[in-house]
Amino acid sequence: MIAEKELKEERRITLNRIAKMIGIVRVTLFSFLLICIFVLPGSAGYQKVLNVQIREAQMRSSPFFLGKIIARLAYGNRVEVLEDRGAWKKVVVPDGKIQGWIHASALTTKKIALQAGKADVKTSVTGGELALAGKGFNATVEAEFKKKNRNLDFTWVDRMENFKFTTENIQAFLKEGQVISPEGGA
């Protein structure tokens, strides 16, 4: 009878040990799964590749429109994202020689294939989307507006559309006016 009680006690202890080991294995597997889902995509092995979707993207030294331009990337160039900061992406070109900041509006996840021999490569936006981006003014809308408002003088509007300012001009203007950006760059 005593041997039987000891045997039952040993079985109970063994079953408890097995249950604890199963619990440890479950926790370990769950932890591993969480690491795979959340940690590994942010590690060095994870690469998010984007493409330049505008004619010329300006890569800057800081995530600010007035940051120094350190490189210019052409439509279709691929970049790897290193970091996100708001609407800015810190990127590196494939050869790894240049890295800097490009605004997200200049980049797309869509694959851009340049085709040799084609006069125009299709962009990722339509004429309608461009018109919306310009608050509805395209050449046709502007012509209709001018026709309906003949008494308005558009001379200065037309002249202002042709003004060109370099980053250096803007930085000098801001410096002279003692305007200090919270993000630097001026």
Protein backbone atom coordinates (compact mmCIF):
# COMPACT_ATOMS: atom_id res chain seq x y z
CA MET A 1 0.00 0.00 0.00
CA ILE A 2 2.83 2.42 0.82
CA ALA A 3 4.56 1.54 -2.44
CA GLU A 4 1.33 2.27 -4.29
CA LYS A 5 1.03 5.71 -2.61
CA GLU A 6 4.67 6.50 -3.43
CA LEU A 7 4.10 5.45 -7.03
CA LYS A 8 1.03 7.71 -7.31
CA GLU A 9 2.99 10.60 -5.77
CA GLU A 10 5.86 10.04 -8.23
CA ARG A 11 3.40 10.03 -11.16
CA ARG A 12 1.81 13.25 -9.88
CA ILE A 13 5.23 14.93 -9.58
CA THR A 14 6.25 13.68 -13.02
CA LEU A 15 3.00 14.95 -14.57
CA ASN A 16 3.52 18.35 -12.91
CA ARG A 17 7.07 18.51 -14.31
CA ILE A 18 5.81 17.60 -17.79
CA ALA A 19 3.06 20.26 -17.55
CA LYS A 20 5.65 22.88 -16.53
CA MET A 21 7.95 21.88 -19.42
CA ILE A 22 5.04 22.11 -21.87
CA GLY A 23 4.27 25.58 -20.50
CA ILE A 24 7.90 26.64 -20.95
CA VAL A 25 7.93 25.30 -24.52
CA ARG A 26 4.70 27.20 -25.31
CA VAL A 27 6.09 30.46 -23.92
CA THR A 28 9.36 29.96 -25.82
CA LEU A 29 7.57 29.27 -29.11
CA PHE A 30 5.22 32.23 -28.60
CA SER A 31 8.20 34.51 -27.83
CA PHE A 32 10.01 33.27 -30.94
CA LEU A 33 6.91 33.93 -33.03
CA LEU A 34 6.63 37.49 -31.67
CA ILE A 35 10.31 38.13 -32.44
CA CYS A 36 9.82 36.88 -35.99
CA ILE A 37 6.78 39.09 -36.52
CA PHE A 38 7.87 42.33 -34.84
CA VAL A 39 11.64 42.43 -34.44
CA LEU A 40 13.08 40.83 -37.56
CA PRO A 41 11.33 43.14 -40.08
CA GLY A 42 13.03 46.12 -38.40
CA SER A 43 16.45 44.49 -38.35
CA ALA A 44 19.25 45.01 -40.85
CA GLY A 45 18.13 42.03 -42.93
CA TYR A 46 14.80 43.67 -43.73
CA GLN A 47 14.82 45.81 -46.84
CA LYS A 48 12.04 48.08 -47.97
CA VAL A 49 12.78 49.17 -51.50
CA LEU A 50 11.02 52.21 -52.98
CA ASN A 51 11.24 53.87 -56.39
CA VAL A 52 11.52 57.52 -57.35
CA GLN A 53 8.20 58.52 -58.93
CA ILE A 54 9.03 62.08 -59.98
CA ARG A 55 11.35 63.42 -62.66
CA GLU A 56 14.05 64.33 -60.14
CA ALA A 57 14.06 63.62 -56.41
CA GLN A 58 16.32 65.69 -54.21
CA MET A 59 18.19 63.73 -51.56
CA ARG A 60 18.90 66.01 -48.62
CA SER A 61 21.28 65.97 -45.67
CA SER A 62 18.40 66.47 -43.22
CA PRO A 63 14.67 65.67 -43.24
CA PHE A 64 13.67 69.20 -44.21
CA PHE A 65 12.88 70.85 -47.53
CA LEU A 66 15.66 73.36 -47.00
CA GLY A 67 18.23 70.76 -46.02
CA LYS A 68 21.35 70.71 -48.19
CA ILE A 69 20.85 68.76 -51.43
CA ILE A 70 23.47 66.02 -51.49
CA ALA A 71 22.26 64.10 -54.55
CA ARG A 72 19.59 64.12 -57.24
CA LEU A 73 17.91 60.86 -58.19
CA ALA A 74 16.13 60.29 -61.48
CA TYR A 75 12.67 58.87 -62.14
CA GLY A 76 12.70 55.11 -61.60
CA ASN A 77 15.81 55.01 -59.38
CA ARG A 78 15.50 52.52 -56.54
CA VAL A 79 16.37 53.27 -52.92
CA GLU A 80 16.36 51.26 -49.72
CA VAL A 81 14.64 52.79 -46.69
CA LEU A 82 16.79 52.96 -43.57
CA GLU A 83 14.55 55.07 -41.34
CA ASP A 84 11.19 56.88 -41.29
CA ARG A 85 10.73 60.30 -39.74
CA GLY A 86 7.26 61.66 -40.38
CA ALA A 87 6.85 62.15 -44.13
CA TRP A 88 10.59 61.80 -44.70
CA LYS A 89 12.50 58.62 -45.52
CA LYS A 90 16.19 58.16 -44.85
CA VAL A 91 17.34 56.14 -47.85
CA VAL A 92 20.46 54.69 -49.38
CA VAL A 93 21.10 54.06 -53.06
CA PRO A 94 21.77 50.42 -54.06
CA ASP A 95 25.56 50.79 -54.20
CA GLY A 96 25.50 52.15 -50.64
CA LYS A 97 27.69 55.15 -51.46
CA ILE A 98 25.07 57.84 -50.85
CA GLN A 99 22.44 58.10 -48.15
CA GLY A 100 20.17 60.94 -47.20
CA TRP A 101 16.57 62.08 -46.80
CA ILE A 102 13.85 62.11 -49.47
CA HIS A 103 10.26 63.23 -48.94
CA ALA A 104 7.78 60.34 -49.16
CA SER A 105 5.79 62.14 -51.88
CA ALA A 106 8.71 61.56 -54.28
CA LEU A 107 8.71 57.79 -53.66
CA THR A 108 6.42 54.88 -54.45
CA THR A 109 6.23 51.18 -53.70
CA LYS A 110 5.15 50.59 -57.30
CA LYS A 111 7.79 49.03 -59.46
CA ILE A 112 8.82 51.39 -62.24
CA ALA A 113 10.14 49.78 -65.39
CA LEU A 114 11.80 52.12 -67.83
CA GLN A 115 11.34 50.98 -71.40
CA ALA A 116 14.00 51.69 -73.98
CA GLY A 117 12.82 53.35 -77.17
CA LYS A 118 9.70 54.88 -75.66
CA ALA A 119 9.36 58.65 -75.96
CA ASP A 120 7.37 58.99 -72.75
CA VAL A 121 7.35 56.64 -69.83
CA LYS A 122 4.00 56.52 -68.07
CA THR A 123 3.96 58.08 -64.61
CA SER A 124 2.12 56.73 -61.62
CA VAL A 125 -0.36 59.63 -61.68
CA THR A 126 -3.00 60.65 -64.19
CA GLY A 127 -3.64 64.08 -65.64
CA GLY A 128 -6.73 64.31 -63.47
CA GLU A 129 -4.71 63.59 -60.35
CA LEU A 130 -2.20 66.26 -61.33
CA ALA A 131 -5.04 68.73 -61.88
CA LEU A 132 -6.39 67.91 -58.41
CA ALA A 133 -2.94 68.39 -56.94
CA GLY A 134 -2.90 71.84 -58.54
CA LYS A 135 -6.25 72.59 -56.86
CA GLY A 136 -8.15 71.95 -60.05
CA PHE A 137 -6.22 74.27 -62.34
CA ASN A 138 -5.03 72.67 -65.53
CA ALA A 139 -4.59 74.45 -68.88
CA THR A 140 -8.24 73.96 -69.88
CA VAL A 141 -9.68 75.13 -66.57
CA GLU A 142 -7.34 78.15 -66.52
CA ALA A 143 -8.32 79.13 -70.07
CA GLU A 144 -12.04 78.91 -69.18
CA PHE A 145 -11.47 80.97 -66.02
CA LYS A 146 -9.63 83.69 -67.95
CA LYS A 147 -12.38 83.71 -70.59
CA LYS A 148 -15.08 84.21 -67.93
CA ASN A 149 -13.02 86.87 -66.11
CA ARG A 150 -11.66 89.03 -68.90
CA ASN A 151 -11.62 92.08 -66.63
CA LEU A 152 -8.95 90.49 -64.38
CA ASP A 153 -5.28 91.14 -65.07
CA PHE A 154 -3.28 87.90 -64.99
CA THR A 155 0.07 89.50 -65.85
CA TRP A 156 1.55 89.07 -62.37
CA VAL A 157 0.13 85.60 -61.92
CA ASP A 158 1.75 84.55 -65.21
CA ARG A 159 5.05 86.18 -64.17
CA MET A 160 5.01 84.55 -60.71
CA GLU A 161 4.53 81.13 -62.26
CA ASN A 162 7.90 81.58 -63.94
CA PHE A 163 9.84 82.65 -60.82
CA LYS A 164 12.57 80.17 -59.93
CA PHE A 165 14.26 80.10 -56.54
CA THR A 166 17.21 77.95 -55.60
CA THR A 167 17.54 76.43 -52.17
CA GLU A 168 20.47 78.79 -51.60
CA ASN A 169 18.24 81.83 -52.40
CA ILE A 170 15.61 80.64 -49.93
CA GLN A 171 18.18 79.90 -47.23
CA ALA A 172 19.74 83.36 -47.64
CA PHE A 173 16.28 84.96 -47.43
CA LEU A 174 15.46 83.05 -44.24
CA LYS A 175 18.85 83.86 -42.71
CA GLU A 176 18.51 87.54 -43.51
CA GLY A 177 15.05 87.57 -41.95
CA GLN A 178 16.40 85.64 -38.95
CA VAL A 179 13.85 82.88 -39.49
CA ILE A 180 14.97 79.76 -37.67
CA SER A 181 13.35 76.46 -38.48
CA PRO A 182 12.78 74.00 -35.63
CA GLU A 183 14.13 71.28 -37.93
CA GLY A 184 17.25 73.13 -39.05
CA GLY A 185 18.23 73.48 -42.66
CA ALA A 186 18.21 77.27 -42.90
